[in-house]
Amino acid sequence: MNAIYWLILFIVLLVIEIITLGLTTIWFAGGALTAFVLSMLEVPPTVQWAVFCAVSLILLFATRPWAVRYFNSQKKEKTNVDSLIGRTAVVTSEIRNLEGKGEVFVNGLTWTARAGEDSLVIKEDTHVTITAVQGVKLIVEVKN
């Protein structure tokens, strides 16, 4: 009967992992699978629990850092607004932060823009580089 409990625990942990995709329960599913195999070999339940805990912790501490590093290193393609950072835009309306004025034209669209420094005034038709996005405003600096 112990084997069925381990198998159920293994399946539940796998389903949770599939649903969340957060690398949270996969390590414990490995421990449950090991305990299931030991249960099939009629190893005492206390040993099964000890092996479940040990295998789960070993998997967690030995492989999680590698797995997180691998999955986080996947290059993510910038989309939408994030793809504007680093691009060149043309000032279509003089940028004056203190007056809350300024617009730039980039990718066929006009955006509200602000200079990186409040004291800067950027004249119309100046080429600028987009350095950040704050809300719906592009933060720009004069292109060198």
Protein backbone atom coordinates (compact mmCIF):
# COMPACT_ATOMS: atom_id res chain seq x y z
CA MET A 1 0.00 0.00 0.00
CA ASN A 2 2.96 2.35 0.65
CA ALA A 3 3.93 2.19 -3.01
CA ILE A 4 0.59 3.61 -4.10
CA TYR A 5 1.00 6.62 -1.78
CA TRP A 6 4.46 7.35 -3.16
CA LEU A 7 3.16 7.01 -6.72
CA ILE A 8 0.25 9.37 -6.00
CA LEU A 9 2.64 11.88 -4.39
CA PHE A 10 4.95 11.63 -7.42
CA ILE A 11 2.09 12.27 -9.86
CA VAL A 12 0.69 15.17 -7.80
CA LEU A 13 4.12 16.83 -7.61
CA LEU A 14 4.63 16.42 -11.36
CA VAL A 15 1.21 17.91 -12.10
CA ILE A 16 1.96 20.89 -9.84
CA GLU A 17 5.30 21.37 -11.62
CA ILE A 18 3.66 21.22 -15.05
CA ILE A 19 1.02 23.75 -14.01
CA THR A 20 3.39 26.22 -12.36
CA LEU A 21 6.57 25.75 -14.45
CA GLY A 22 8.45 27.32 -11.58
CA LEU A 23 10.98 24.60 -10.75
CA THR A 24 9.44 24.21 -7.31
CA THR A 25 8.26 20.63 -6.91
CA ILE A 26 10.31 18.70 -9.46
CA TRP A 27 13.03 18.02 -6.88
CA PHE A 28 10.54 16.44 -4.49
CA ALA A 29 9.02 14.43 -7.33
CA GLY A 30 12.46 12.87 -7.78
CA GLY A 31 12.52 11.98 -4.09
CA ALA A 32 9.02 10.50 -4.29
CA LEU A 33 10.01 8.41 -7.32
CA THR A 34 13.04 7.05 -5.43
CA ALA A 35 10.87 6.26 -2.41
CA PHE A 36 8.36 4.55 -4.71
CA VAL A 37 11.09 2.27 -6.06
CA LEU A 38 12.26 1.47 -2.50
CA SER A 39 8.67 0.71 -1.51
CA MET A 40 8.39 -1.74 -4.39
CA LEU A 41 11.55 -3.42 -3.06
CA GLU A 42 9.83 -3.67 0.37
CA VAL A 43 12.30 -1.41 2.19
CA PRO A 44 10.95 -0.25 5.60
CA PRO A 45 8.87 2.98 5.55
CA THR A 46 11.30 4.87 7.81
CA VAL A 47 14.09 4.26 5.31
CA GLN A 48 11.76 5.31 2.48
CA TRP A 49 11.04 8.62 4.23
CA ALA A 50 14.72 9.20 4.96
CA VAL A 51 15.68 8.51 1.35
CA PHE A 52 12.80 10.72 0.10
CA CYS A 53 14.08 13.63 2.21
CA ALA A 54 17.73 13.05 1.32
CA VAL A 55 17.19 12.66 -2.43
CA SER A 56 14.85 15.65 -2.55
CA LEU A 57 17.35 17.89 -0.75
CA ILE A 58 20.31 16.64 -2.77
CA LEU A 59 18.44 17.29 -6.02
CA LEU A 60 17.31 20.69 -4.77
CA PHE A 61 20.73 21.93 -3.71
CA ALA A 62 22.80 20.20 -6.39
CA THR A 63 20.76 20.88 -9.52
CA ARG A 64 18.54 23.90 -8.84
CA PRO A 65 21.29 26.55 -9.20
CA TRP A 66 22.31 25.03 -12.53
CA ALA A 67 18.68 24.79 -13.72
CA VAL A 68 17.85 28.37 -12.73
CA ARG A 69 21.01 29.66 -14.41
CA TYR A 70 20.23 27.66 -17.56
CA PHE A 71 16.62 28.81 -17.83
CA ASN A 72 17.42 32.44 -16.99
CA SER A 73 20.27 32.58 -19.50
CA GLN A 74 17.93 32.01 -22.42
CA LYS A 75 18.16 35.20 -24.43
CA LYS A 76 14.84 36.96 -24.34
CA GLU A 77 13.86 38.98 -27.35
CA LYS A 78 12.89 42.54 -26.55
CA THR A 79 9.37 43.37 -27.61
CA ASN A 80 7.22 46.46 -27.85
CA VAL A 81 8.47 49.38 -25.76
CA ASP A 82 11.60 47.56 -24.51
CA SER A 83 12.85 47.36 -28.08
CA LEU A 84 12.98 51.18 -28.26
CA ILE A 85 15.77 51.50 -25.68
CA GLY A 86 19.01 52.36 -27.43
CA ARG A 87 17.31 53.52 -30.63
CA THR A 88 17.65 56.93 -32.19
CA ALA A 89 14.68 59.30 -32.29
CA VAL A 90 14.11 62.80 -33.65
CA VAL A 91 12.73 65.55 -31.40
CA THR A 92 9.49 66.87 -32.95
CA SER A 93 8.56 69.22 -30.11
CA GLU A 94 11.18 70.91 -27.90
CA ILE A 95 11.82 68.92 -24.70
CA ARG A 96 11.51 70.96 -21.51
CA ASN A 97 11.13 68.76 -18.43
CA LEU A 98 10.27 71.60 -16.05
CA GLU A 99 7.34 72.59 -18.26
CA GLY A 100 6.33 68.98 -18.96
CA LYS A 101 6.76 69.40 -22.71
CA GLY A 102 8.47 67.37 -25.38
CA GLU A 103 7.89 64.79 -28.07
CA VAL A 104 10.02 62.54 -30.24
CA PHE A 105 9.37 60.54 -33.38
CA VAL A 106 10.58 56.94 -33.58
CA ASN A 107 9.38 53.85 -35.48
CA GLY A 108 6.66 55.83 -37.21
CA LEU A 109 5.11 57.00 -33.93
CA THR A 110 5.23 60.17 -31.88
CA TRP A 111 6.00 59.67 -28.18
CA THR A 112 6.01 61.98 -25.20
CA ALA A 113 9.63 62.43 -24.18
CA ARG A 114 11.65 63.82 -21.31
CA ALA A 115 15.35 64.51 -20.97
CA GLY A 116 17.45 62.53 -18.54
CA GLU A 117 18.23 65.75 -16.64
CA ASP A 118 15.54 68.28 -15.69
CA SER A 119 17.73 71.29 -16.52
CA LEU A 120 18.31 70.18 -20.13
CA VAL A 121 16.40 71.74 -23.00
CA ILE A 122 16.57 69.74 -26.22
CA LYS A 123 15.69 71.64 -29.40
CA GLU A 124 13.41 70.42 -32.18
CA ASP A 125 15.01 68.27 -34.96
CA THR A 126 17.77 67.07 -32.60
CA HIS A 127 18.70 63.40 -32.83
CA VAL A 128 18.47 61.72 -29.42
CA THR A 129 19.05 58.25 -28.00
CA ILE A 130 16.31 56.58 -25.98
CA THR A 131 17.79 55.50 -22.63
CA ALA A 132 14.70 54.36 -20.71
CA VAL A 133 10.94 54.17 -20.63
CA GLN A 134 8.95 55.53 -17.69
CA GLY A 135 5.26 54.83 -18.04
CA VAL A 136 4.32 56.21 -21.47
CA LYS A 137 7.26 58.60 -21.68
CA LEU A 138 10.58 57.98 -23.35
CA ILE A 139 13.65 59.22 -21.49
CA VAL A 140 16.22 60.52 -23.94
CA GLU A 141 19.67 62.03 -24.11
CA VAL A 142 21.35 63.98 -26.90
CA LYS A 143 23.08 61.63 -29.30
CA ASN A 144 26.85 62.09 -29.48
